[in-house]
N, C-alpha and C. Protein backbone atom coordinates (compact mmCIF):
# COMPACT_ATOMS: atom_id res chain seq x y z
N UNK A 1 113.35 22.36 96.44
CA UNK A 1 112.01 23.07 96.54
C UNK A 1 111.16 22.17 97.31
N UNK A 2 109.80 22.61 97.88
CA UNK A 2 109.18 21.48 98.39
C UNK A 2 107.71 21.99 97.79
N UNK A 3 106.76 20.76 97.25
CA UNK A 3 105.58 20.75 96.85
C UNK A 3 104.94 20.51 98.02
N UNK A 4 103.38 20.83 98.10
CA UNK A 4 102.30 20.45 99.02
C UNK A 4 101.43 20.24 98.08
N UNK A 5 100.70 19.15 98.03
CA UNK A 5 99.54 18.80 97.52
C UNK A 5 98.10 18.34 97.82
N UNK A 6 97.01 19.15 97.76
CA UNK A 6 95.67 19.39 98.31
C UNK A 6 94.65 19.13 96.99
N UNK A 7 93.48 18.42 97.43
CA UNK A 7 92.51 18.23 96.26
C UNK A 7 91.59 17.12 96.76
N UNK A 8 90.65 17.05 96.32
CA UNK A 8 89.60 16.12 96.73
C UNK A 8 89.74 14.71 96.45
N UNK A 9 89.20 13.63 97.09
CA UNK A 9 89.49 12.37 96.99
C UNK A 9 89.73 11.77 95.33
N UNK A 10 90.52 11.07 95.14
CA UNK A 10 90.71 10.70 93.73
C UNK A 10 90.71 11.91 92.80
N UNK A 11 91.38 12.85 92.88
CA UNK A 11 91.72 13.90 92.18
C UNK A 11 92.93 13.58 91.54
N UNK A 12 93.62 12.90 91.97
CA UNK A 12 94.91 12.42 91.34
C UNK A 12 96.26 13.08 92.24
N UNK A 13 95.94 13.45 93.50
CA UNK A 13 97.34 13.82 94.15
C UNK A 13 98.16 12.60 94.45
N UNK A 14 97.88 11.41 94.28
CA UNK A 14 98.64 10.41 94.47
C UNK A 14 99.58 9.98 93.50
N UNK A 15 98.82 10.33 92.39
CA UNK A 15 99.54 9.88 91.18
C UNK A 15 100.60 11.11 90.72
N UNK A 16 100.26 12.07 91.12
CA UNK A 16 100.96 13.12 91.03
C UNK A 16 102.34 13.03 91.82
N UNK A 17 102.01 12.89 93.23
CA UNK A 17 103.19 12.55 93.80
C UNK A 17 103.98 11.26 93.75
N UNK A 18 103.67 10.21 93.02
CA UNK A 18 104.37 9.20 92.45
C UNK A 18 105.43 9.52 91.62
N UNK A 19 104.61 10.61 90.36
CA UNK A 19 105.62 10.99 89.31
C UNK A 19 106.43 11.63 90.01
N UNK A 20 106.54 12.27 90.90
CA UNK A 20 107.65 13.32 91.69
C UNK A 20 108.32 12.37 92.28
N UNK A 21 108.42 11.17 92.71
CA UNK A 21 109.13 10.57 93.72
C UNK A 21 110.04 9.79 92.60
N UNK A 22 109.28 9.66 91.06
CA UNK A 22 109.90 8.91 90.43
C UNK A 22 111.30 10.06 89.95
N UNK A 23 110.97 11.28 90.14
CA UNK A 23 112.09 12.38 89.74
C UNK A 23 112.88 12.59 91.02
N UNK A 24 113.07 11.91 92.02
CA UNK A 24 113.80 11.97 93.35
C UNK A 24 113.32 12.74 94.14
N UNK A 25 111.97 13.20 94.06
CA UNK A 25 111.15 13.96 95.44
C UNK A 25 111.19 12.78 96.71
N UNK A 26 111.71 13.49 97.91
CA UNK A 26 111.32 12.85 98.80
C UNK A 26 109.83 13.04 99.73
N UNK A 27 109.46 11.93 99.80
CA UNK A 27 107.77 11.84 100.00
C UNK A 27 107.21 11.66 101.34
N UNK A 28 106.57 12.76 101.79
CA UNK A 28 105.87 12.83 102.90
C UNK A 28 104.25 12.80 102.63
N UNK A 29 103.88 12.58 103.85
CA UNK A 29 102.11 12.62 103.84
C UNK A 29 101.57 12.25 104.95
N UNK A 30 100.45 13.41 105.24
CA UNK A 30 99.81 13.69 106.29
C UNK A 30 99.05 12.62 106.67
N UNK A 31 98.41 12.05 105.64
CA UNK A 31 97.98 10.47 105.59
C UNK A 31 98.35 9.52 106.53
N UNK A 32 99.82 8.93 105.86
CA UNK A 32 100.68 8.41 106.58
C UNK A 32 100.85 8.62 108.18
N UNK A 33 100.96 9.72 108.62
CA UNK A 33 101.32 10.12 110.28
C UNK A 33 99.92 9.73 110.54
N UNK A 34 98.74 9.97 110.08
CA UNK A 34 97.22 9.68 110.60
C UNK A 34 97.30 8.01 110.66
N UNK A 35 97.90 7.23 109.40
CA UNK A 35 97.84 5.69 109.38
C UNK A 35 98.78 5.40 110.51
N UNK A 36 99.55 5.79 110.96
CA UNK A 36 100.64 5.42 111.92
C UNK A 36 99.74 5.27 113.36
N UNK A 37 99.36 6.64 113.76
CA UNK A 37 98.68 6.69 114.91
C UNK A 37 97.42 5.86 114.69
N UNK A 38 96.99 5.42 113.72
CA UNK A 38 95.60 4.57 113.66
C UNK A 38 96.00 3.06 114.09
N UNK A 39 97.17 2.86 113.43
CA UNK A 39 97.77 1.59 114.12
C UNK A 39 98.06 1.52 115.16
N UNK A 40 98.73 2.32 115.79
CA UNK A 40 99.24 2.26 117.23
C UNK A 40 97.72 1.81 118.12
N UNK A 41 96.82 2.57 117.41
CA UNK A 41 95.25 2.63 118.38
C UNK A 41 94.85 1.39 117.79
N UNK A 42 95.09 0.40 117.04
CA UNK A 42 94.55 -0.98 116.46
C UNK A 42 93.25 -0.37 115.64
N UNK A 43 93.03 1.06 115.25
CA UNK A 43 92.07 0.88 114.22
C UNK A 43 92.08 0.76 112.90
N UNK A 44 91.22 0.52 112.30
CA UNK A 44 91.19 -0.23 110.64
C UNK A 44 91.02 1.39 109.95
N UNK A 45 92.10 0.95 108.80
CA UNK A 45 92.48 2.55 108.07
C UNK A 45 91.24 2.80 107.43
N UNK A 46 89.91 3.07 107.51
CA UNK A 46 88.73 3.48 106.70
C UNK A 46 88.78 4.72 106.80
N UNK A 47 88.29 5.07 105.51
CA UNK A 47 88.15 6.97 105.37
C UNK A 47 87.40 7.71 106.40
N UNK A 48 86.41 6.89 107.21
CA UNK A 48 85.90 7.45 108.54
C UNK A 48 86.52 7.53 109.59
N UNK A 49 87.39 6.46 109.67
CA UNK A 49 88.29 6.49 110.81
C UNK A 49 89.30 7.18 110.74
N UNK A 50 89.90 7.55 109.40
CA UNK A 50 91.13 8.21 109.71
C UNK A 50 90.75 10.03 109.71
N UNK A 51 89.36 10.01 108.96
CA UNK A 51 88.91 11.39 109.16
C UNK A 51 88.41 11.91 111.15
N UNK A 52 87.80 11.03 111.35
CA UNK A 52 87.58 11.12 112.78
C UNK A 52 88.92 11.34 113.59
N UNK A 53 89.66 10.46 113.33
CA UNK A 53 91.12 10.56 114.02
C UNK A 53 91.59 12.07 113.80
N UNK A 54 92.03 12.16 112.66
CA UNK A 54 92.48 13.53 112.37
C UNK A 54 91.78 14.67 113.36
N UNK A 55 90.66 14.88 113.33
CA UNK A 55 89.73 15.63 113.64
C UNK A 55 89.81 15.58 114.94
N UNK A 56 90.21 14.54 115.84
CA UNK A 56 90.74 14.35 117.04
C UNK A 56 91.69 15.19 117.47
N UNK A 57 92.89 14.47 116.58
CA UNK A 57 94.30 15.35 116.73
C UNK A 57 94.35 16.69 116.70
N UNK A 58 93.46 17.21 115.64
CA UNK A 58 93.66 18.90 115.06
C UNK A 58 92.53 19.35 116.68
N UNK A 59 91.88 18.53 117.47
CA UNK A 59 90.97 19.51 118.45
C UNK A 59 92.11 19.57 119.40
N UNK A 60 92.63 18.40 119.50
CA UNK A 60 93.43 18.24 121.00
C UNK A 60 94.85 19.15 120.85
N UNK A 61 95.34 18.74 120.05
CA UNK A 61 96.64 19.49 120.01
C UNK A 61 96.88 20.51 118.93
N UNK A 62 95.78 21.42 118.18
CA UNK A 62 95.93 22.29 117.27
C UNK A 62 95.67 21.87 116.29
N UNK A 63 94.94 22.84 114.94
CA UNK A 63 94.68 22.41 113.91
C UNK A 63 96.07 22.10 113.23
N UNK A 64 97.24 22.99 113.42
CA UNK A 64 98.04 22.55 112.47
C UNK A 64 99.08 21.30 113.26
N UNK A 65 98.20 20.42 113.71
CA UNK A 65 99.30 19.50 114.35
C UNK A 65 100.13 18.61 113.73
N UNK A 66 99.14 18.00 112.38
CA UNK A 66 99.82 17.25 111.70
C UNK A 66 100.86 17.75 110.58
N UNK A 67 100.57 18.95 110.22
CA UNK A 67 101.46 19.81 109.73
C UNK A 67 102.97 19.76 110.56
N UNK A 68 102.86 20.06 111.73
CA UNK A 68 104.18 20.53 112.58
C UNK A 68 105.12 18.97 112.62
N UNK A 69 104.16 17.61 112.52
CA UNK A 69 104.86 16.31 112.13
C UNK A 69 105.75 16.46 111.37
N UNK A 70 104.94 17.07 110.34
CA UNK A 70 106.13 16.68 109.14
C UNK A 70 106.98 17.66 108.92
N UNK A 71 106.59 18.84 109.54
CA UNK A 71 107.59 20.11 109.43
C UNK A 71 108.89 19.14 110.11
N UNK A 72 108.93 18.66 111.01
CA UNK A 72 109.58 18.15 112.07
C UNK A 72 110.49 17.21 111.02
N UNK A 73 109.91 16.44 110.26
CA UNK A 73 110.42 15.30 109.46
C UNK A 73 111.26 16.17 108.61
N UNK A 74 111.01 16.93 107.89
CA UNK A 74 111.57 17.92 106.73
C UNK A 74 112.49 18.46 107.29
N UNK A 75 112.26 18.99 108.25
CA UNK A 75 113.77 19.60 109.17
C UNK A 75 114.52 18.16 109.02
N UNK A 76 114.25 17.38 109.71
CA UNK A 76 115.59 16.26 109.93
C UNK A 76 116.30 16.05 108.48
N UNK A 77 115.42 15.74 107.58
CA UNK A 77 115.69 15.13 106.21
C UNK A 77 116.70 16.32 105.47
N UNK A 78 116.33 17.77 105.59
CA UNK A 78 116.92 18.83 105.41
C UNK A 78 118.58 18.99 106.09
N UNK A 79 118.34 18.34 107.14
CA UNK A 79 119.90 18.70 107.93
C UNK A 79 120.10 17.64 107.80
N UNK A 80 119.93 16.20 107.25
CA UNK A 80 120.70 14.95 107.05
C UNK A 80 121.55 15.34 105.47
N UNK A 81 120.54 15.82 104.65
CA UNK A 81 120.80 16.14 103.46
C UNK A 81 122.11 16.89 103.31
N UNK A 82 121.79 17.94 104.14
CA UNK A 82 123.35 19.08 104.40
C UNK A 82 124.62 18.32 104.77
N UNK A 83 123.79 17.64 105.89
CA UNK A 83 125.25 16.81 106.25
C UNK A 83 126.15 15.97 105.25
N UNK A 84 125.23 15.24 104.58
CA UNK A 84 125.66 14.37 103.60
C UNK A 84 126.65 15.27 102.28
N UNK A 85 125.78 16.27 101.69
CA UNK A 85 126.73 17.24 101.14
C UNK A 85 127.77 17.95 101.45
N UNK A 86 127.46 18.48 102.75
CA UNK A 86 129.09 18.90 103.39
C UNK A 86 130.05 17.69 103.14
N UNK A 87 129.64 16.43 103.51
CA UNK A 87 130.91 15.61 103.44
C UNK A 87 131.44 15.11 101.94
N UNK A 88 130.47 15.20 100.99
CA UNK A 88 130.76 14.92 99.71
C UNK A 88 131.74 16.05 99.09
N UNK A 89 131.40 17.43 99.95
CA UNK A 89 132.28 18.91 99.06
C UNK A 89 133.55 18.30 99.32
N UNK A 90 133.84 17.83 100.97
CA UNK A 90 134.93 17.55 101.18
C UNK A 90 135.98 16.37 100.62
N UNK A 91 135.15 15.38 100.19
CA UNK A 91 135.91 14.28 99.94
C UNK A 91 135.57 14.07 98.41
N UNK A 92 135.25 15.09 97.71
CA UNK A 92 134.93 15.43 96.10
C UNK A 92 136.09 14.83 95.40
N UNK A 93 136.72 13.96 95.42
CA UNK A 93 137.99 13.79 94.70
C UNK A 93 137.79 13.55 93.50
N UNK A 94 136.37 12.87 92.97
CA UNK A 94 136.21 12.78 91.29
C UNK A 94 135.38 14.06 90.74
N UNK A 95 135.31 14.80 91.48
CA UNK A 95 134.63 16.37 90.62
C UNK A 95 133.16 15.91 90.74
N UNK A 96 132.52 14.80 91.83
CA UNK A 96 130.98 14.69 91.17
C UNK A 96 130.39 15.90 91.50
N UNK A 97 129.51 16.26 90.63
CA UNK A 97 128.50 17.36 90.55
C UNK A 97 127.56 16.96 91.57
N UNK A 98 127.25 18.27 92.81
CA UNK A 98 126.58 18.15 93.94
C UNK A 98 125.40 18.85 93.65
N UNK A 99 124.14 18.64 93.94
CA UNK A 99 122.96 19.15 93.78
C UNK A 99 122.90 20.33 95.02
N UNK A 100 122.57 21.36 94.78
CA UNK A 100 122.36 22.26 95.87
C UNK A 100 121.16 22.23 96.51
N UNK A 101 119.88 21.69 96.44
CA UNK A 101 118.64 21.62 96.69
C UNK A 101 118.18 20.12 97.02
N UNK A 102 117.39 19.93 97.83
CA UNK A 102 116.79 18.23 98.00
C UNK A 102 115.12 18.98 97.82
N UNK A 103 114.66 18.36 97.00
CA UNK A 103 113.15 18.32 96.97
C UNK A 103 112.66 17.35 97.29
N UNK A 104 111.62 17.73 97.84
CA UNK A 104 110.39 17.22 98.66
C UNK A 104 108.85 17.32 98.10
N UNK A 105 108.01 16.23 98.30
CA UNK A 105 106.74 16.45 98.06
C UNK A 105 106.08 16.32 99.50
N UNK A 106 105.15 17.22 99.84
CA UNK A 106 104.10 16.60 100.91
C UNK A 106 102.62 16.42 100.66
N UNK A 107 101.91 15.17 100.88
CA UNK A 107 100.89 15.20 100.01
C UNK A 107 99.60 15.32 101.68
N UNK A 108 98.57 14.97 100.82
CA UNK A 108 96.88 14.84 101.49
C UNK A 108 97.15 15.82 102.87
N UNK A 109 97.13 17.34 102.10
CA UNK A 109 96.67 18.67 102.66
C UNK A 109 95.53 19.26 102.65
N UNK A 110 94.77 18.91 103.93
CA UNK A 110 93.34 18.75 104.01
C UNK A 110 93.06 20.19 104.88
N UNK A 111 93.64 21.05 105.22
CA UNK A 111 93.58 22.24 106.21
C UNK A 111 94.11 23.28 105.93
N UNK A 112 93.55 24.75 105.88
CA UNK A 112 94.01 25.81 105.57
C UNK A 112 95.23 26.06 106.61
N UNK A 113 95.33 25.72 107.74
CA UNK A 113 96.22 25.56 109.04
C UNK A 113 97.20 24.90 108.77
N UNK A 114 96.99 23.62 108.01
CA UNK A 114 98.05 22.81 107.94
C UNK A 114 99.05 23.19 106.68
N UNK A 115 97.99 23.87 105.83
CA UNK A 115 98.71 24.74 104.56
C UNK A 115 99.41 25.53 104.98
N UNK A 116 98.91 26.56 106.08
CA UNK A 116 100.04 27.42 106.38
C UNK A 116 101.29 27.47 107.06
N UNK A 117 100.99 26.02 108.01
CA UNK A 117 102.12 25.70 108.76
C UNK A 117 103.32 25.17 107.77
N UNK A 118 103.22 24.37 106.86
CA UNK A 118 103.95 23.90 105.83
C UNK A 118 104.57 25.09 105.17
N UNK A 119 103.83 26.24 104.73
CA UNK A 119 104.44 27.37 103.79
C UNK A 119 105.14 28.28 104.93
N UNK A 120 105.51 27.47 106.04
CA UNK A 120 106.70 28.20 106.55
C UNK A 120 108.24 28.24 106.29
N UNK A 121 108.10 26.94 105.64
CA UNK A 121 109.35 26.40 104.70
C UNK A 121 109.56 27.29 103.68
N UNK A 122 110.95 27.51 103.59
CA UNK A 122 111.51 28.22 102.15
C UNK A 122 111.14 27.46 101.18
N UNK A 123 111.13 28.11 100.19
CA UNK A 123 110.39 27.47 98.75
C UNK A 123 109.59 26.41 98.64
N UNK A 124 108.30 26.53 99.51
CA UNK A 124 107.61 25.85 99.30
C UNK A 124 105.94 26.17 98.34
N UNK A 125 105.62 25.43 97.46
CA UNK A 125 104.51 25.74 96.79
C UNK A 125 103.51 24.65 97.12
N UNK A 126 102.50 25.26 97.25
CA UNK A 126 100.90 24.58 97.36
C UNK A 126 100.42 24.28 96.21
N UNK A 127 99.88 22.89 95.65
CA UNK A 127 99.34 22.73 94.05
C UNK A 127 98.18 21.84 94.79
N UNK A 128 96.98 22.49 93.83
CA UNK A 128 95.54 22.16 93.96
C UNK A 128 95.31 21.13 93.03
N UNK A 129 95.08 19.76 93.25
CA UNK A 129 94.64 18.72 92.31
C UNK A 129 93.25 18.68 92.25
N UNK A 130 92.32 18.80 90.78
CA UNK A 130 91.12 18.59 90.96
C UNK A 130 90.78 17.57 89.47
N UNK A 131 89.48 17.55 89.55
CA UNK A 131 89.05 16.87 88.51
C UNK A 131 87.73 16.32 88.55
N UNK A 132 86.87 16.39 87.85
CA UNK A 132 85.17 16.44 88.05
C UNK A 132 85.02 15.36 89.03
N UNK A 133 83.84 15.40 89.48
CA UNK A 133 83.36 14.64 90.40
C UNK A 133 83.14 12.92 89.79
N UNK A 134 82.78 12.89 88.62
CA UNK A 134 81.96 11.70 87.92
C UNK A 134 83.41 11.07 87.80
N UNK A 135 84.18 11.68 87.30
CA UNK A 135 85.52 11.13 86.98
C UNK A 135 86.45 10.69 88.36
N UNK A 136 86.11 11.33 89.29
CA UNK A 136 86.72 10.99 90.57
C UNK A 136 85.96 9.51 91.26
N UNK A 137 84.70 9.71 91.14
CA UNK A 137 84.12 8.27 91.31
C UNK A 137 84.34 7.18 90.77
N UNK A 138 85.05 7.39 89.36
CA UNK A 138 85.00 6.16 88.58
C UNK A 138 86.42 5.66 89.22
N UNK A 139 87.47 6.63 89.45
CA UNK A 139 88.85 6.34 89.89
C UNK A 139 88.49 5.66 91.15
N UNK A 140 87.71 5.71 92.01
CA UNK A 140 87.55 5.11 93.43
C UNK A 140 87.01 3.66 93.06
N UNK A 141 86.21 3.69 92.12
CA UNK A 141 85.46 2.22 91.85
C UNK A 141 86.41 1.51 91.30
N UNK A 142 87.41 1.95 90.39
CA UNK A 142 88.59 0.98 90.08
C UNK A 142 89.55 0.58 91.44
N UNK A 143 89.53 2.09 92.25
CA UNK A 143 91.06 1.93 93.49
C UNK A 143 90.56 0.47 94.33
N UNK A 144 88.84 0.50 94.65
CA UNK A 144 88.37 -0.24 95.35
C UNK A 144 88.78 -0.52 97.27
N UNK A 145 89.11 0.60 97.50
CA UNK A 145 90.00 1.06 99.06
C UNK A 145 88.67 1.09 99.88
N UNK A 146 89.05 0.38 101.23
CA UNK A 146 88.04 0.25 102.11
C UNK A 146 87.93 1.96 102.26
N UNK A 147 86.28 1.95 102.58
CA UNK A 147 85.62 2.86 103.14
C UNK A 147 85.46 4.22 102.30
N UNK A 148 85.79 3.33 100.74
CA UNK A 148 85.46 4.34 99.66
C UNK A 148 83.93 4.61 99.47
N UNK A 149 83.42 5.79 98.73
CA UNK A 149 82.28 5.72 98.36
C UNK A 149 81.50 4.70 97.43
N UNK A 150 80.37 4.03 97.53
CA UNK A 150 80.08 3.55 96.51
C UNK A 150 79.09 3.89 95.82
N UNK A 151 78.78 5.10 95.86
CA UNK A 151 77.97 6.25 94.66
C UNK A 151 78.27 7.49 94.98
N UNK A 152 78.09 8.28 93.48
CA UNK A 152 78.30 9.64 93.84
C UNK A 152 78.11 9.93 94.59
N UNK A 153 76.65 10.18 95.05
CA UNK A 153 75.68 10.74 95.67
C UNK A 153 76.70 10.57 97.31
N UNK A 154 77.11 9.54 97.47
CA UNK A 154 77.87 9.14 98.89
C UNK A 154 79.07 9.60 98.97
N UNK A 155 79.86 10.08 97.77
CA UNK A 155 80.95 10.42 97.72
C UNK A 155 80.55 12.50 97.97
N UNK A 156 79.54 12.63 97.47
CA UNK A 156 79.42 14.29 97.53
C UNK A 156 78.89 14.14 99.12
N UNK A 157 78.39 13.52 99.99
CA UNK A 157 77.78 13.33 101.84
C UNK A 157 79.20 13.45 102.19
N UNK A 158 80.17 12.45 101.69
CA UNK A 158 81.27 12.31 102.40
C UNK A 158 82.28 14.17 102.37
N UNK A 159 81.80 14.51 101.10
CA UNK A 159 82.95 15.59 101.20
C UNK A 159 82.21 16.94 101.48
N UNK A 160 81.09 16.62 101.74
CA UNK A 160 80.30 17.69 103.09
C UNK A 160 81.09 17.87 103.97
N UNK A 161 80.97 16.39 104.76
CA UNK A 161 81.26 16.70 105.78
C UNK A 161 82.87 16.85 106.16
N UNK A 162 83.39 17.08 104.85
CA UNK A 162 85.03 17.44 105.14
C UNK A 162 85.07 18.76 104.99
N UNK A 163 83.94 19.59 104.95
CA UNK A 163 84.30 20.86 104.31
C UNK A 163 83.43 21.34 105.54
N UNK A 164 83.69 21.25 106.78
CA UNK A 164 82.80 21.63 107.92
C UNK A 164 83.72 22.96 108.09
N UNK A 165 83.17 23.92 108.59
CA UNK A 165 83.61 25.39 108.93
C UNK A 165 84.36 25.47 110.57
N UNK A 166 84.95 24.48 110.60
CA UNK A 166 85.56 23.89 112.01
C UNK A 166 87.07 23.87 112.05
N UNK A 167 87.99 24.51 112.90
CA UNK A 167 89.36 24.58 112.62
C UNK A 167 89.70 23.28 113.19
N UNK A 168 89.17 22.35 113.59
CA UNK A 168 89.58 20.55 114.26
C UNK A 168 89.05 19.85 113.15
N UNK A 169 88.10 20.40 112.03
CA UNK A 169 87.94 19.22 110.89
C UNK A 169 88.64 19.52 109.56
N UNK A 170 88.28 18.54 108.93
CA UNK A 170 88.97 19.19 107.42
C UNK A 170 88.21 20.22 106.42
N UNK A 171 89.19 20.96 106.00
CA UNK A 171 88.29 22.36 105.07
C UNK A 171 88.99 22.16 103.78
N UNK A 172 88.66 21.34 102.96
CA UNK A 172 89.33 20.73 102.10
C UNK A 172 89.10 22.26 100.93
N UNK A 173 88.07 22.82 100.80
CA UNK A 173 87.54 23.64 99.82
C UNK A 173 88.45 24.67 100.17
N UNK A 174 88.63 25.58 101.64
CA UNK A 174 89.62 26.42 101.92
C UNK A 174 90.89 26.48 101.70
N UNK A 175 91.06 24.96 101.81
CA UNK A 175 92.83 24.76 101.49
C UNK A 175 92.91 25.21 99.86
N UNK A 176 92.01 24.59 99.63
CA UNK A 176 92.43 24.52 98.01
C UNK A 176 92.69 26.09 97.74
N UNK A 177 91.72 27.00 98.27
CA UNK A 177 91.74 28.15 97.46
C UNK A 177 93.42 28.73 97.96
N UNK A 178 94.09 28.47 98.79
CA UNK A 178 95.51 28.81 99.17
C UNK A 178 96.57 28.15 97.81
N UNK A 179 95.85 27.31 97.33
CA UNK A 179 97.01 26.63 96.34
C UNK A 179 97.52 28.11 95.14
N UNK A 180 98.49 28.02 94.97
CA UNK A 180 99.22 28.70 94.19
C UNK A 180 99.09 28.12 92.40
N UNK A 181 99.08 26.79 92.61
CA UNK A 181 98.58 26.49 91.29
C UNK A 181 98.05 25.40 90.93
N UNK A 182 96.83 25.40 89.83
CA UNK A 182 95.76 24.29 90.08
C UNK A 182 95.86 23.48 88.64
N UNK A 183 96.15 22.21 89.04
CA UNK A 183 96.26 21.02 88.04
C UNK A 183 95.21 20.34 87.91
N UNK A 184 94.47 20.34 86.95
CA UNK A 184 93.28 19.75 86.36
C UNK A 184 93.64 18.71 85.94
N UNK A 185 93.00 17.31 86.24
CA UNK A 185 93.98 15.95 86.53
C UNK A 185 92.66 15.00 85.31
N UNK A 186 92.13 15.45 84.23
CA UNK A 186 90.85 15.05 83.70
C UNK A 186 91.09 14.65 82.22
N UNK A 187 92.83 14.09 82.37
CA UNK A 187 93.36 13.05 81.42
C UNK A 187 93.76 11.99 81.37
N UNK A 188 94.98 11.58 80.59
CA UNK A 188 95.81 9.93 80.81
C UNK A 188 96.61 10.12 81.98
N UNK A 189 97.48 9.53 82.57
CA UNK A 189 98.32 9.89 83.22
C UNK A 189 99.98 10.82 82.30
N UNK A 190 99.81 10.45 81.28
CA UNK A 190 101.03 11.27 80.36
C UNK A 190 100.34 12.69 80.46
N UNK A 191 99.28 12.86 79.81
CA UNK A 191 98.76 14.46 79.95
C UNK A 191 99.72 15.13 81.50
N UNK A 192 98.74 14.28 82.43
CA UNK A 192 98.98 14.66 83.74
C UNK A 192 100.72 15.09 84.23
N UNK A 193 101.59 14.09 83.91
CA UNK A 193 103.16 14.53 83.88
C UNK A 193 103.52 15.68 82.99
N UNK A 194 102.81 15.69 81.90
CA UNK A 194 103.27 16.83 81.16
C UNK A 194 102.53 18.01 81.99
N UNK A 195 101.68 18.39 82.39
CA UNK A 195 101.30 19.28 83.03
C UNK A 195 102.57 19.17 84.32
N UNK A 196 102.72 18.21 84.95
CA UNK A 196 103.75 18.58 86.15
C UNK A 196 104.83 18.99 85.80
N UNK A 197 105.73 18.37 84.36
CA UNK A 197 106.91 18.83 83.80
C UNK A 197 106.77 20.33 83.48
N UNK A 198 105.48 20.83 83.18
CA UNK A 198 105.50 21.98 82.49
C UNK A 198 105.27 23.25 83.93
N UNK A 199 105.26 22.73 85.03
CA UNK A 199 105.09 23.31 86.18
C UNK A 199 106.43 23.44 86.89
N UNK A 200 106.76 22.29 86.82
CA UNK A 200 108.29 22.41 87.62
C UNK A 200 109.07 22.86 86.75
N UNK A 201 109.23 23.91 85.64
CA UNK A 201 109.82 24.54 84.56
C UNK A 201 109.51 25.76 84.99
N UNK A 202 108.77 25.82 85.60
CA UNK A 202 108.01 27.12 85.46
C UNK A 202 108.67 27.78 87.15
N UNK A 203 108.46 26.79 87.84
CA UNK A 203 109.23 26.99 89.22
C UNK A 203 110.62 27.04 89.12
N UNK A 204 111.54 26.46 88.41
CA UNK A 204 112.51 26.49 87.90
C UNK A 204 113.29 28.13 87.38
N UNK A 205 112.31 28.64 86.49
CA UNK A 205 112.75 29.78 85.95
C UNK A 205 112.41 30.73 86.82
């Protein structure tokens, strides 16, 4: 299965992704693709710099550009996985159980065009992660990452800029509407993990 994650800043996408990684999911992130490009350009990895860079890439190469880069990585990952499994089946002298599916999680989907590009993958499910803004702000303060908002009002202003009705910009609200499943992360990590486990059981059934 391939799970995509979308949601506003500090909603808990990273925690959810980390939990899936602990369960053996291969991790990809559109934000990592942006950070790689920012490093090449010598840009500091602030939120504003990454947003501006993402908007530039979408404008120059198409709104689904970042997702296309991730799809290329997913394709390569699955090809490598299938090759390894084929070799295991041929050399399976110990009757080792072989999994038939590669599990992948894709983080930081911020545009409906990115979401739709990733939806071209078989067995893809988009999950929206949400939490009250006051709680998300407290998480930002605890995280203390460069470029994070210093007040709730500043966070609201940042999120307004992330919802411009322009194909080259982030459109978090429109992307969130495409979610097939929504997880409200307003409790403890243990509660979040239980919600994720319940969702995984739904998919498998």
